[in-house]
């Protein structure tokens, strides 16, 4: 799921960047897309290594069930957002911020299941990078830009 999140974010940011004329925003979205690629690659490399050690099958089943309940109602996807209907950059950026927040929430939930300290520290680094994405997006909005999407 983490790999899917990162690939989805990358594709969305690149797609949005291709439809904008504001070079500052295009550069930021391309930077974010590049970071999402690095995150997806890290998760792909670690996929086999990230094992949730099974000490108690009943507890594991309960943990999986709890995890699924926590995720209930969150799509963690930008696929269902119709960007053609978003006519203002601010609305688009707010959508990106919510996606980043959901991604962080998902990774924070993963932390509780990780056993390996090195993996946990790397995940915390990715969370910090996702938080920087939010900060960058919020800084862009705070500049009170009034441009509209579809600038190309």
N, C-alpha and C. Protein backbone atom coordinates (compact mmCIF):
# COMPACT_ATOMS: atom_id res chain seq x y z
N UNK A 1 0.82 -1.19 0.00
CA UNK A 1 0.00 0.00 0.00
C UNK A 1 0.87 1.26 0.00
N UNK A 2 1.98 1.23 0.73
CA UNK A 2 2.87 2.39 0.77
C UNK A 2 3.45 2.68 -0.61
N UNK A 3 3.80 1.62 -1.33
CA UNK A 3 4.33 1.80 -2.69
C UNK A 3 3.27 2.44 -3.58
N UNK A 4 2.04 1.96 -3.46
CA UNK A 4 0.94 2.51 -4.25
C UNK A 4 0.72 3.99 -3.91
N UNK A 5 0.76 4.33 -2.63
CA UNK A 5 0.59 5.72 -2.21
C UNK A 5 1.63 6.62 -2.86
N UNK A 6 2.87 6.18 -2.81
CA UNK A 6 3.96 6.99 -3.34
C UNK A 6 3.87 7.13 -4.86
N UNK A 7 3.55 6.05 -5.55
CA UNK A 7 3.41 6.12 -7.01
C UNK A 7 2.23 6.99 -7.41
N UNK A 8 1.15 6.89 -6.65
CA UNK A 8 -0.03 7.72 -6.91
C UNK A 8 0.32 9.20 -6.72
N UNK A 9 1.02 9.51 -5.64
CA UNK A 9 1.43 10.89 -5.41
C UNK A 9 2.33 11.40 -6.52
N UNK A 10 3.30 10.59 -6.92
CA UNK A 10 4.20 11.00 -8.00
C UNK A 10 3.43 11.31 -9.28
N UNK A 11 2.57 10.39 -9.69
CA UNK A 11 1.81 10.58 -10.93
C UNK A 11 0.93 11.82 -10.86
N UNK A 12 0.30 12.03 -9.72
CA UNK A 12 -0.59 13.18 -9.57
C UNK A 12 0.19 14.49 -9.62
N UNK A 13 1.31 14.55 -8.91
CA UNK A 13 2.10 15.78 -8.90
C UNK A 13 2.68 16.08 -10.28
N UNK A 14 3.12 15.06 -10.99
CA UNK A 14 3.65 15.28 -12.34
C UNK A 14 2.53 15.72 -13.28
N UNK A 15 1.37 15.08 -13.15
CA UNK A 15 0.23 15.47 -13.99
C UNK A 15 -0.19 16.90 -13.76
N UNK A 16 -0.26 17.29 -12.48
CA UNK A 16 -0.64 18.66 -12.15
C UNK A 16 0.41 19.65 -12.66
N UNK A 17 1.69 19.32 -12.49
CA UNK A 17 2.76 20.21 -12.93
C UNK A 17 2.70 20.44 -14.43
N UNK A 18 2.28 19.43 -15.18
CA UNK A 18 2.19 19.56 -16.62
C UNK A 18 1.06 20.46 -17.09
N UNK A 19 0.17 20.83 -16.17
CA UNK A 19 -0.98 21.67 -16.53
C UNK A 19 -0.91 23.06 -15.93
N UNK A 20 0.25 23.43 -15.42
CA UNK A 20 0.37 24.73 -14.75
C UNK A 20 1.40 25.61 -15.44
N UNK A 21 1.23 26.91 -15.32
CA UNK A 21 2.20 27.84 -15.89
C UNK A 21 3.09 28.48 -14.82
N UNK A 22 2.69 28.41 -13.56
CA UNK A 22 3.46 29.02 -12.47
C UNK A 22 4.71 28.16 -12.22
N UNK A 23 5.88 28.67 -12.64
CA UNK A 23 7.11 27.88 -12.55
C UNK A 23 7.49 27.51 -11.12
N UNK A 24 7.18 28.37 -10.16
CA UNK A 24 7.49 28.05 -8.76
C UNK A 24 6.70 26.83 -8.31
N UNK A 25 5.43 26.80 -8.65
CA UNK A 25 4.59 25.66 -8.27
C UNK A 25 4.98 24.41 -9.06
N UNK A 26 5.28 24.56 -10.34
CA UNK A 26 5.72 23.43 -11.16
C UNK A 26 6.98 22.82 -10.56
N UNK A 27 7.95 23.65 -10.20
CA UNK A 27 9.19 23.16 -9.60
C UNK A 27 8.94 22.44 -8.29
N UNK A 28 8.05 22.98 -7.46
CA UNK A 28 7.75 22.34 -6.18
C UNK A 28 7.10 20.98 -6.41
N UNK A 29 6.15 20.90 -7.32
CA UNK A 29 5.46 19.63 -7.58
C UNK A 29 6.42 18.60 -8.18
N UNK A 30 7.33 19.04 -9.03
CA UNK A 30 8.32 18.11 -9.59
C UNK A 30 9.27 17.61 -8.51
N UNK A 31 9.67 18.49 -7.58
CA UNK A 31 10.51 18.08 -6.45
C UNK A 31 9.77 17.05 -5.59
N UNK A 32 8.50 17.33 -5.32
CA UNK A 32 7.71 16.40 -4.51
C UNK A 32 7.56 15.06 -5.24
N UNK A 33 7.32 15.09 -6.54
CA UNK A 33 7.20 13.85 -7.31
C UNK A 33 8.49 13.06 -7.26
N UNK A 34 9.64 13.74 -7.37
CA UNK A 34 10.94 13.05 -7.29
C UNK A 34 11.12 12.39 -5.93
N UNK A 35 10.70 13.07 -4.86
CA UNK A 35 10.80 12.47 -3.53
C UNK A 35 9.88 11.27 -3.40
N UNK A 36 8.69 11.33 -3.99
CA UNK A 36 7.77 10.20 -3.93
C UNK A 36 8.38 8.99 -4.64
N UNK A 37 9.11 9.22 -5.73
CA UNK A 37 9.80 8.12 -6.42
C UNK A 37 10.82 7.47 -5.48
N UNK A 38 11.59 8.29 -4.79
CA UNK A 38 12.60 7.75 -3.85
C UNK A 38 11.92 6.96 -2.73
N UNK A 39 10.80 7.46 -2.24
CA UNK A 39 10.08 6.74 -1.18
C UNK A 39 9.58 5.40 -1.69
N UNK A 40 8.99 5.38 -2.88
CA UNK A 40 8.48 4.13 -3.46
C UNK A 40 9.61 3.13 -3.66
N UNK A 41 10.76 3.61 -4.11
CA UNK A 41 11.91 2.73 -4.30
C UNK A 41 12.36 2.15 -2.96
N UNK A 42 12.37 2.98 -1.91
CA UNK A 42 12.77 2.49 -0.59
C UNK A 42 11.80 1.41 -0.12
N UNK A 43 10.50 1.66 -0.24
CA UNK A 43 9.52 0.66 0.18
C UNK A 43 9.65 -0.61 -0.65
N UNK A 44 9.93 -0.47 -1.94
CA UNK A 44 10.09 -1.65 -2.80
C UNK A 44 11.28 -2.49 -2.36
N UNK A 45 12.40 -1.81 -2.07
CA UNK A 45 13.60 -2.54 -1.61
C UNK A 45 13.37 -3.22 -0.27
N UNK A 46 12.64 -2.57 0.58
CA UNK A 46 12.45 -3.06 1.95
C UNK A 46 11.27 -4.02 2.08
N UNK A 47 10.48 -4.15 1.04
CA UNK A 47 9.25 -4.94 1.11
C UNK A 47 9.50 -6.34 1.67
N UNK A 48 10.54 -7.00 1.22
CA UNK A 48 10.82 -8.34 1.69
C UNK A 48 11.39 -8.34 3.11
N UNK A 49 12.06 -7.24 3.46
CA UNK A 49 12.70 -7.17 4.78
C UNK A 49 11.74 -6.72 5.87
N UNK A 50 10.72 -5.97 5.49
CA UNK A 50 9.78 -5.46 6.49
C UNK A 50 8.84 -6.59 6.85
N UNK A 51 9.20 -7.26 7.91
CA UNK A 51 8.39 -8.40 8.35
C UNK A 51 7.81 -8.07 9.72
N UNK A 52 6.59 -8.41 9.86
CA UNK A 52 5.94 -8.24 11.14
C UNK A 52 6.03 -9.59 11.84
N UNK A 53 6.93 -9.68 12.76
CA UNK A 53 7.21 -10.95 13.42
C UNK A 53 5.98 -11.51 14.10
N UNK A 54 5.71 -12.76 13.84
CA UNK A 54 4.53 -13.40 14.37
C UNK A 54 4.87 -14.19 15.62
N UNK A 55 4.44 -13.66 16.75
CA UNK A 55 4.65 -14.36 18.01
C UNK A 55 3.35 -15.02 18.47
N UNK A 56 2.24 -14.44 18.09
CA UNK A 56 0.95 -14.93 18.53
C UNK A 56 -0.05 -14.75 17.38
N UNK A 57 -0.45 -15.85 16.74
CA UNK A 57 -1.36 -15.73 15.59
C UNK A 57 -2.68 -15.04 15.92
N UNK A 58 -3.22 -15.23 17.11
CA UNK A 58 -4.47 -14.58 17.49
C UNK A 58 -4.26 -13.07 17.60
N UNK A 59 -3.18 -12.67 18.26
CA UNK A 59 -2.88 -11.25 18.38
C UNK A 59 -2.61 -10.64 17.01
N UNK A 60 -1.93 -11.39 16.13
CA UNK A 60 -1.67 -10.89 14.77
C UNK A 60 -2.97 -10.64 14.03
N UNK A 61 -3.91 -11.57 14.12
CA UNK A 61 -5.20 -11.43 13.45
C UNK A 61 -5.95 -10.22 13.99
N UNK A 62 -5.90 -10.05 15.31
CA UNK A 62 -6.56 -8.90 15.92
C UNK A 62 -5.89 -7.60 15.47
N UNK A 63 -4.56 -7.62 15.39
CA UNK A 63 -3.83 -6.44 14.94
C UNK A 63 -4.17 -6.07 13.52
N UNK A 64 -4.24 -7.07 12.64
CA UNK A 64 -4.62 -6.82 11.25
C UNK A 64 -6.03 -6.25 11.17
N UNK A 65 -6.93 -6.82 11.96
CA UNK A 65 -8.31 -6.35 11.97
C UNK A 65 -8.38 -4.90 12.46
N UNK A 66 -7.63 -4.59 13.51
CA UNK A 66 -7.60 -3.23 14.04
C UNK A 66 -7.02 -2.27 13.00
N UNK A 67 -5.97 -2.69 12.33
CA UNK A 67 -5.32 -1.88 11.31
C UNK A 67 -6.31 -1.57 10.18
N UNK A 68 -7.04 -2.59 9.74
CA UNK A 68 -8.03 -2.40 8.68
C UNK A 68 -9.14 -1.45 9.15
N UNK A 69 -9.55 -1.57 10.42
CA UNK A 69 -10.56 -0.66 10.96
C UNK A 69 -10.06 0.79 10.96
N UNK A 70 -8.79 0.98 11.32
CA UNK A 70 -8.22 2.32 11.34
C UNK A 70 -8.19 2.92 9.94
N UNK A 71 -7.98 2.08 8.95
CA UNK A 71 -7.91 2.56 7.57
C UNK A 71 -9.28 2.74 6.94
N UNK A 72 -10.30 2.19 7.57
CA UNK A 72 -11.64 2.23 7.01
C UNK A 72 -12.05 3.67 6.71
N UNK A 73 -12.55 3.86 5.51
CA UNK A 73 -13.02 5.19 5.13
C UNK A 73 -11.95 6.08 4.55
N UNK A 74 -10.72 5.66 4.53
CA UNK A 74 -9.65 6.46 3.94
C UNK A 74 -9.22 5.80 2.64
N UNK A 75 -9.31 6.54 1.56
CA UNK A 75 -8.94 5.96 0.28
C UNK A 75 -7.44 6.06 0.04
N UNK A 76 -6.77 7.01 0.67
CA UNK A 76 -5.34 7.24 0.46
C UNK A 76 -5.02 7.31 -1.03
N UNK A 77 -5.93 7.88 -1.77
CA UNK A 77 -5.76 7.94 -3.22
C UNK A 77 -6.25 9.27 -3.74
N UNK A 78 -5.56 9.75 -4.77
CA UNK A 78 -6.01 10.96 -5.44
C UNK A 78 -6.78 10.60 -6.71
N UNK A 79 -6.98 9.30 -6.95
CA UNK A 79 -7.67 8.85 -8.15
C UNK A 79 -9.11 9.36 -8.21
N UNK A 80 -9.75 9.48 -7.06
CA UNK A 80 -11.15 9.87 -7.06
C UNK A 80 -11.35 11.39 -7.04
N UNK A 81 -10.27 12.15 -7.14
CA UNK A 81 -10.38 13.61 -7.21
C UNK A 81 -10.43 14.02 -8.68
N UNK A 82 -11.43 14.79 -9.03
CA UNK A 82 -11.58 15.27 -10.40
C UNK A 82 -10.89 16.63 -10.51
N UNK A 83 -9.61 16.60 -10.90
CA UNK A 83 -8.85 17.85 -10.98
C UNK A 83 -9.37 18.79 -12.06
N UNK A 84 -10.08 18.26 -13.02
CA UNK A 84 -10.67 19.13 -14.05
C UNK A 84 -11.72 20.04 -13.44
N UNK A 85 -12.30 19.64 -12.32
CA UNK A 85 -13.33 20.44 -11.66
C UNK A 85 -12.73 21.43 -10.65
N UNK A 86 -11.45 21.30 -10.38
CA UNK A 86 -10.80 22.24 -9.45
C UNK A 86 -10.25 23.37 -10.29
N UNK A 87 -10.85 24.56 -10.13
CA UNK A 87 -10.47 25.67 -11.01
C UNK A 87 -9.56 26.69 -10.34
N UNK A 88 -9.16 26.43 -9.13
CA UNK A 88 -8.29 27.37 -8.43
C UNK A 88 -7.13 26.60 -7.80
N UNK A 89 -5.94 27.17 -7.92
CA UNK A 89 -4.73 26.53 -7.41
C UNK A 89 -4.86 26.22 -5.92
N UNK A 90 -5.45 27.12 -5.16
CA UNK A 90 -5.59 26.92 -3.72
C UNK A 90 -6.35 25.65 -3.39
N UNK A 91 -7.43 25.39 -4.12
CA UNK A 91 -8.22 24.18 -3.88
C UNK A 91 -7.40 22.93 -4.22
N UNK A 92 -6.64 23.01 -5.31
CA UNK A 92 -5.80 21.87 -5.69
C UNK A 92 -4.74 21.61 -4.61
N UNK A 93 -4.11 22.66 -4.13
CA UNK A 93 -3.06 22.50 -3.12
C UNK A 93 -3.65 21.96 -1.82
N UNK A 94 -4.83 22.43 -1.44
CA UNK A 94 -5.49 21.90 -0.23
C UNK A 94 -5.72 20.39 -0.38
N UNK A 95 -6.08 19.95 -1.58
CA UNK A 95 -6.27 18.52 -1.84
C UNK A 95 -4.95 17.78 -1.66
N UNK A 96 -3.86 18.35 -2.17
CA UNK A 96 -2.54 17.73 -2.01
C UNK A 96 -2.14 17.67 -0.54
N UNK A 97 -2.44 18.72 0.21
CA UNK A 97 -2.10 18.74 1.64
C UNK A 97 -2.85 17.62 2.37
N UNK A 98 -4.12 17.45 2.08
CA UNK A 98 -4.90 16.39 2.73
C UNK A 98 -4.35 15.01 2.37
N UNK A 99 -3.94 14.83 1.12
CA UNK A 99 -3.33 13.56 0.71
C UNK A 99 -2.05 13.31 1.49
N UNK A 100 -1.21 14.33 1.62
CA UNK A 100 0.04 14.18 2.37
C UNK A 100 -0.25 13.86 3.84
N UNK A 101 -1.25 14.52 4.41
CA UNK A 101 -1.61 14.24 5.81
C UNK A 101 -2.09 12.80 5.98
N UNK A 102 -2.90 12.32 5.04
CA UNK A 102 -3.37 10.92 5.10
C UNK A 102 -2.19 9.95 4.97
N UNK A 103 -1.25 10.29 4.10
CA UNK A 103 -0.06 9.44 3.93
C UNK A 103 0.72 9.38 5.23
N UNK A 104 0.92 10.52 5.86
CA UNK A 104 1.64 10.56 7.14
C UNK A 104 0.91 9.73 8.19
N UNK A 105 -0.39 9.88 8.26
CA UNK A 105 -1.19 9.09 9.22
C UNK A 105 -0.97 7.59 8.99
N UNK A 106 -1.02 7.17 7.75
CA UNK A 106 -0.80 5.76 7.42
C UNK A 106 0.59 5.31 7.88
N UNK A 107 1.62 6.10 7.60
CA UNK A 107 2.97 5.73 8.00
C UNK A 107 3.13 5.72 9.51
N UNK A 108 2.47 6.63 10.19
CA UNK A 108 2.53 6.63 11.66
C UNK A 108 1.88 5.38 12.23
N UNK A 109 0.82 4.91 11.59
CA UNK A 109 0.20 3.66 12.03
C UNK A 109 1.14 2.48 11.77
N UNK A 110 1.86 2.52 10.67
CA UNK A 110 2.82 1.45 10.36
C UNK A 110 3.92 1.35 11.41
N UNK A 111 4.31 2.49 11.96
CA UNK A 111 5.40 2.51 12.94
C UNK A 111 5.17 1.51 14.08
N UNK A 112 3.93 1.41 14.52
CA UNK A 112 3.62 0.53 15.65
C UNK A 112 3.85 -0.94 15.33
N UNK A 113 3.87 -1.28 14.04
CA UNK A 113 4.02 -2.67 13.64
C UNK A 113 5.45 -3.05 13.27
N UNK A 114 6.34 -2.09 13.19
CA UNK A 114 7.70 -2.37 12.76
C UNK A 114 8.56 -2.83 13.93
N UNK A 115 9.36 -3.83 13.67
CA UNK A 115 10.24 -4.40 14.69
C UNK A 115 11.68 -3.90 14.57
N UNK A 116 12.12 -3.67 13.34
CA UNK A 116 13.51 -3.32 13.07
C UNK A 116 13.73 -1.82 13.27
N UNK A 117 14.69 -1.47 14.12
CA UNK A 117 14.95 -0.07 14.45
C UNK A 117 15.44 0.72 13.24
N UNK A 118 16.26 0.12 12.40
CA UNK A 118 16.77 0.80 11.20
C UNK A 118 15.61 1.13 10.25
N UNK A 119 14.71 0.20 10.08
CA UNK A 119 13.54 0.42 9.23
C UNK A 119 12.66 1.51 9.82
N UNK A 120 12.48 1.47 11.12
CA UNK A 120 11.66 2.47 11.80
C UNK A 120 12.25 3.87 11.62
N UNK A 121 13.56 3.99 11.76
CA UNK A 121 14.21 5.30 11.59
C UNK A 121 14.08 5.80 10.15
N UNK A 122 14.20 4.90 9.19
CA UNK A 122 14.04 5.29 7.79
C UNK A 122 12.61 5.75 7.51
N UNK A 123 11.64 5.05 8.10
CA UNK A 123 10.24 5.45 7.93
C UNK A 123 10.00 6.83 8.55
N UNK A 124 10.61 7.09 9.69
CA UNK A 124 10.48 8.41 10.33
C UNK A 124 11.07 9.50 9.43
N UNK A 125 12.15 9.18 8.72
CA UNK A 125 12.74 10.14 7.79
C UNK A 125 11.76 10.43 6.65
N UNK A 126 11.10 9.40 6.14
CA UNK A 126 10.11 9.60 5.08
C UNK A 126 8.96 10.45 5.59
N UNK A 127 8.51 10.19 6.82
CA UNK A 127 7.43 10.99 7.41
C UNK A 127 7.86 12.46 7.47
N UNK A 128 9.10 12.71 7.88
CA UNK A 128 9.60 14.09 7.95
C UNK A 128 9.61 14.73 6.57
N UNK A 129 9.96 13.96 5.54
CA UNK A 129 9.95 14.50 4.18
C UNK A 129 8.53 14.82 3.72
N UNK A 130 7.59 13.95 4.08
CA UNK A 130 6.18 14.22 3.74
C UNK A 130 5.70 15.48 4.47
N UNK A 131 6.14 15.68 5.71
CA UNK A 131 5.78 16.88 6.46
C UNK A 131 6.35 18.13 5.78
N UNK A 132 7.56 18.01 5.20
CA UNK A 132 8.15 19.14 4.47
C UNK A 132 7.32 19.45 3.21
N UNK A 133 6.74 18.42 2.60
CA UNK A 133 5.86 18.67 1.46
C UNK A 133 4.70 19.56 1.90
N UNK A 134 4.10 19.21 3.03
CA UNK A 134 2.98 20.00 3.54
C UNK A 134 3.41 21.43 3.83
N UNK A 135 4.56 21.59 4.48
CA UNK A 135 5.06 22.93 4.79
C UNK A 135 5.27 23.75 3.53
N UNK A 136 5.82 23.12 2.50
CA UNK A 136 6.06 23.82 1.23
C UNK A 136 4.75 24.23 0.58
N UNK A 137 3.78 23.33 0.59
CA UNK A 137 2.47 23.64 0.01
C UNK A 137 1.78 24.76 0.79
N UNK A 138 1.86 24.69 2.12
CA UNK A 138 1.24 25.73 2.93
C UNK A 138 1.91 27.09 2.72
N UNK A 139 3.23 27.07 2.56
CA UNK A 139 3.95 28.32 2.31
C UNK A 139 3.52 28.92 0.98
N UNK A 140 3.31 28.08 -0.01
CA UNK A 140 2.86 28.55 -1.31
C UNK A 140 1.49 29.21 -1.20
N UNK A 141 0.58 28.57 -0.47
CA UNK A 141 -0.76 29.13 -0.28
C UNK A 141 -0.68 30.46 0.48
N UNK A 142 0.19 30.52 1.47
CA UNK A 142 0.27 31.73 2.30
C UNK A 142 0.77 32.94 1.51
N UNK A 143 1.35 32.70 0.35
CA UNK A 143 1.78 33.83 -0.50
C UNK A 143 0.58 34.49 -1.16
N UNK A 144 -0.63 33.91 -0.88
CA UNK A 144 -1.90 34.49 -1.36
C UNK A 144 -1.92 34.65 -2.87
N UNK A 145 -1.57 33.61 -3.56
CA UNK A 145 -1.61 33.63 -5.02
C UNK A 145 -3.04 33.47 -5.49
N UNK A 146 -3.38 34.15 -6.53
CA UNK A 146 -4.74 34.10 -7.04
C UNK A 146 -4.81 33.55 -8.45
N UNK A 147 -3.72 32.92 -8.91
CA UNK A 147 -3.73 32.35 -10.26
C UNK A 147 -4.65 31.16 -10.31
N UNK A 148 -5.04 30.79 -11.48
CA UNK A 148 -5.95 29.66 -11.66
C UNK A 148 -5.26 28.53 -12.38
N UNK A 149 -5.81 27.31 -12.22
CA UNK A 149 -5.26 26.14 -12.87
C UNK A 149 -5.48 26.24 -14.38
N UNK A 150 -4.78 25.36 -15.10
CA UNK A 150 -4.93 25.33 -16.55
C UNK A 150 -4.17 26.45 -17.22
N UNK A 151 -3.04 26.82 -16.64
CA UNK A 151 -2.27 27.95 -17.15
C UNK A 151 -1.54 27.70 -18.45
N UNK A 152 -1.44 26.47 -18.93
CA UNK A 152 -0.74 26.21 -20.20
C UNK A 152 -1.66 26.38 -21.36
